[in-house]
Amino acid sequence: MTAPSLDSSARVATDASARYAKQLASHLGRRIEAEPVEDGWLLRIGSGTCELRPEADALVLSATAPDAATLATVEDVVGRHLVRFGARAGLSVEWSSGTRNEAVAPEELDPA
């Protein structure tokens, strides 16, 4: 059975999304695990994660954590650093309200 998790996301408008994603991963990668993935970067912050996915006009952030406190930490760390790096460009991060994904046994998953 997979563990329940909370998710949140943010879409940060910028024409330099790839640069900010790489800068964030490089900076945070000194203290946490930051690994390149197919569409961007995956940051592991405690028991939570945040995917950084650059798009042409925005950097999409997708956070996941097992509980509200960890999700808040992931949002704070990623959001605070990104805002600081993008201060001159006026970047702001507004996370969507989290949603809860309930635990599901693997045999209950729809294979389609």
C-alpha atoms as a PDB file:
ATOM      1  CA  MET A   1       0.000   0.000   0.000  1.00  0.00           C
ATOM      2  CA  THR A   2       1.330   3.463  -0.846  1.00  0.00           C
ATOM      3  CA  ALA A   3       1.449   6.029   1.946  1.00  0.00           C
ATOM      4  CA  PRO A   4      -0.949   8.976   1.943  1.00  0.00           C
ATOM      5  CA  SER A   5       0.539  12.275   0.831  1.00  0.00           C
ATOM      6  CA  LEU A   6      -0.240  15.954   0.499  1.00  0.00           C
ATOM      7  CA  ASP A   7       0.482  17.869  -2.703  1.00  0.00           C
ATOM      8  CA  SER A   8       0.705  21.500  -3.669  1.00  0.00           C
ATOM      9  CA  SER A   9       1.898  23.376  -6.719  1.00  0.00           C
ATOM     10  CA  ALA A  10       2.892  26.819  -7.884  1.00  0.00           C
ATOM     11  CA  ARG A  11       3.381  28.361 -11.311  1.00  0.00           C
ATOM     12  CA  VAL A  12       5.998  31.124 -11.243  1.00  0.00           C
ATOM     13  CA  ALA A  13       5.882  33.368 -14.313  1.00  0.00           C
ATOM     14  CA  THR A  14       9.361  33.899 -15.803  1.00  0.00           C
ATOM     15  CA  ASP A  15      11.121  33.716 -19.155  1.00  0.00           C
ATOM     16  CA  ALA A  16      14.213  32.315 -17.399  1.00  0.00           C
ATOM     17  CA  SER A  17      12.635  29.211 -15.862  1.00  0.00           C
ATOM     18  CA  ALA A  18      15.449  26.803 -16.808  1.00  0.00           C
ATOM     19  CA  ARG A  19      18.073  29.131 -15.321  1.00  0.00           C
ATOM     20  CA  TYR A  20      16.149  29.538 -12.050  1.00  0.00           C
ATOM     21  CA  ALA A  21      15.517  25.783 -11.793  1.00  0.00           C
ATOM     22  CA  LYS A  22      19.212  25.010 -12.259  1.00  0.00           C
ATOM     23  CA  GLN A  23      20.273  27.766  -9.839  1.00  0.00           C
ATOM     24  CA  LEU A  24      17.828  26.542  -7.196  1.00  0.00           C
ATOM     25  CA  ALA A  25      18.869  22.891  -7.602  1.00  0.00           C
ATOM     26  CA  SER A  26      22.552  23.790  -7.513  1.00  0.00           C
ATOM     27  CA  HIS A  27      22.224  25.996  -4.435  1.00  0.00           C
ATOM     28  CA  LEU A  28      19.965  23.669  -2.447  1.00  0.00           C
ATOM     29  CA  GLY A  29      21.917  20.617  -3.647  1.00  0.00           C
ATOM     30  CA  ARG A  30      24.688  21.560  -1.225  1.00  0.00           C
ATOM     31  CA  ARG A  31      22.458  20.552   1.692  1.00  0.00           C
ATOM     32  CA  ILE A  32      19.776  18.300   0.228  1.00  0.00           C
ATOM     33  CA  GLU A  33      19.527  15.771  -2.585  1.00  0.00           C
ATOM     34  CA  ALA A  34      18.892  17.458  -5.946  1.00  0.00           C
ATOM     35  CA  GLU A  35      18.785  15.252  -9.004  1.00  0.00           C
ATOM     36  CA  PRO A  36      18.106  16.004 -12.644  1.00  0.00           C
ATOM     37  CA  VAL A  37      14.996  14.301 -14.016  1.00  0.00           C
ATOM     38  CA  GLU A  38      13.594  14.135 -17.524  1.00  0.00           C
ATOM     39  CA  ASP A  39      11.679  17.414 -17.359  1.00  0.00           C
ATOM     40  CA  GLY A  40      13.709  19.349 -14.780  1.00  0.00           C
ATOM     41  CA  TRP A  41      14.925  18.701 -11.246  1.00  0.00           C
ATOM     42  CA  LEU A  42      13.731  16.739  -8.223  1.00  0.00           C
ATOM     43  CA  LEU A  43      14.588  18.097  -4.771  1.00  0.00           C
ATOM     44  CA  ARG A  44      14.329  15.873  -1.678  1.00  0.00           C
ATOM     45  CA  ILE A  45      13.763  17.928   1.455  1.00  0.00           C
ATOM     46  CA  GLY A  46      13.404  15.677   4.482  1.00  0.00           C
ATOM     47  CA  SER A  47      10.619  13.236   3.692  1.00  0.00           C
ATOM     48  CA  GLY A  48       9.130  15.619   1.098  1.00  0.00           C
ATOM     49  CA  THR A  49       9.970  16.386  -2.513  1.00  0.00           C
ATOM     50  CA  CYS A  50       9.607  19.240  -4.954  1.00  0.00           C
ATOM     51  CA  GLU A  51       9.797  18.872  -8.713  1.00  0.00           C
ATOM     52  CA  LEU A  52      11.041  21.899 -10.651  1.00  0.00           C
ATOM     53  CA  ARG A  53       9.731  21.833 -14.217  1.00  0.00           C
ATOM     54  CA  PRO A  54      10.803  24.685 -16.511  1.00  0.00           C
ATOM     55  CA  GLU A  55       8.333  25.740 -19.206  1.00  0.00           C
ATOM     56  CA  ALA A  56       8.665  28.484 -21.827  1.00  0.00           C
ATOM     57  CA  ASP A  57       6.898  31.131 -19.714  1.00  0.00           C
ATOM     58  CA  ALA A  58       6.983  29.730 -16.171  1.00  0.00           C
ATOM     59  CA  LEU A  59       8.703  27.509 -13.646  1.00  0.00           C
ATOM     60  CA  VAL A  60       6.232  24.914 -12.349  1.00  0.00           C
ATOM     61  CA  LEU A  61       6.801  23.696  -8.788  1.00  0.00           C
ATOM     62  CA  SER A  62       5.140  20.490  -7.554  1.00  0.00           C
ATOM     63  CA  ALA A  63       5.598  19.651  -3.867  1.00  0.00           C
ATOM     64  CA  THR A  64       4.662  16.376  -2.159  1.00  0.00           C
ATOM     65  CA  ALA A  65       4.972  15.392   1.494  1.00  0.00           C
ATOM     66  CA  PRO A  66       3.543  12.829   3.914  1.00  0.00           C
ATOM     67  CA  ASP A  67       2.129  15.478   6.291  1.00  0.00           C
ATOM     68  CA  ALA A  68       1.206  19.161   6.485  1.00  0.00           C
ATOM     69  CA  ALA A  69       4.292  20.203   8.466  1.00  0.00           C
ATOM     70  CA  THR A  70       6.695  18.663   5.958  1.00  0.00           C
ATOM     71  CA  LEU A  71       4.746  20.135   3.041  1.00  0.00           C
ATOM     72  CA  ALA A  72       4.958  23.575   4.656  1.00  0.00           C
ATOM     73  CA  THR A  73       8.731  23.139   5.047  1.00  0.00           C
ATOM     74  CA  VAL A  74       9.164  22.138   1.390  1.00  0.00           C
ATOM     75  CA  GLU A  75       7.055  25.095   0.233  1.00  0.00           C
ATOM     76  CA  ASP A  76       8.965  27.494   2.500  1.00  0.00           C
ATOM     77  CA  VAL A  77      12.462  26.343   1.516  1.00  0.00           C
ATOM     78  CA  VAL A  78      11.806  26.268  -2.230  1.00  0.00           C
ATOM     79  CA  GLY A  79       9.633  29.381  -2.328  1.00  0.00           C
ATOM     80  CA  ARG A  80      11.887  31.510  -0.132  1.00  0.00           C
ATOM     81  CA  HIS A  81      15.030  30.702  -2.110  1.00  0.00           C
ATOM     82  CA  LEU A  82      13.356  31.195  -5.494  1.00  0.00           C
ATOM     83  CA  VAL A  83      11.956  34.592  -4.455  1.00  0.00           C
ATOM     84  CA  ARG A  84      15.393  35.647  -3.232  1.00  0.00           C
ATOM     85  CA  PHE A  85      17.095  34.519  -6.467  1.00  0.00           C
ATOM     86  CA  GLY A  86      14.446  36.269  -8.569  1.00  0.00           C
ATOM     87  CA  ALA A  87      14.150  39.455  -6.496  1.00  0.00           C
ATOM     88  CA  ARG A  88      15.326  41.715  -9.334  1.00  0.00           C
ATOM     89  CA  ALA A  89      12.806  40.135 -11.703  1.00  0.00           C
ATOM     90  CA  GLY A  90      10.046  40.448  -9.100  1.00  0.00           C
ATOM     91  CA  LEU A  91       9.352  36.711  -8.856  1.00  0.00           C
ATOM     92  CA  SER A  92       6.674  35.609  -6.422  1.00  0.00           C
ATOM     93  CA  VAL A  93       5.561  32.125  -5.416  1.00  0.00           C
ATOM     94  CA  GLU A  94       1.961  31.377  -4.483  1.00  0.00           C
ATOM     95  CA  TRP A  95       1.333  27.743  -3.632  1.00  0.00           C
ATOM     96  CA  SER A  96      -2.056  26.208  -4.334  1.00  0.00           C
ATOM     97  CA  SER A  97      -3.869  24.689  -1.405  1.00  0.00           C
ATOM     98  CA  GLY A  98      -2.654  21.153  -0.814  1.00  0.00           C
ATOM     99  CA  THR A  99      -4.692  18.110  -1.679  1.00  0.00           C
ATOM    100  CA  ARG A 100      -4.569  14.794   0.114  1.00  0.00           C
ATOM    101  CA  ASN A 101      -3.880  11.582  -1.765  1.00  0.00           C
ATOM    102  CA  GLU A 102      -5.174   8.715   0.343  1.00  0.00           C
ATOM    103  CA  ALA A 103      -3.299   5.471   0.713  1.00  0.00           C
ATOM    104  CA  VAL A 104      -4.155   2.969  -2.007  1.00  0.00           C
ATOM    105  CA  ALA A 105      -3.167  -0.668  -2.151  1.00  0.00           C
ATOM    106  CA  PRO A 106      -1.313  -1.483  -5.401  1.00  0.00           C
ATOM    107  CA  GLU A 107      -4.005  -3.975  -6.422  1.00  0.00           C
ATOM    108  CA  GLU A 108      -6.571  -1.151  -6.223  1.00  0.00           C
ATOM    109  CA  LEU A 109      -4.754   1.008  -8.776  1.00  0.00           C
ATOM    110  CA  ASP A 110      -6.357   1.289 -12.195  1.00  0.00           C
ATOM    111  CA  PRO A 111      -3.863  -0.083 -14.757  1.00  0.00           C
ATOM    112  CA  ALA A 112      -5.347   2.043 -17.555  1.00  0.00           C
END
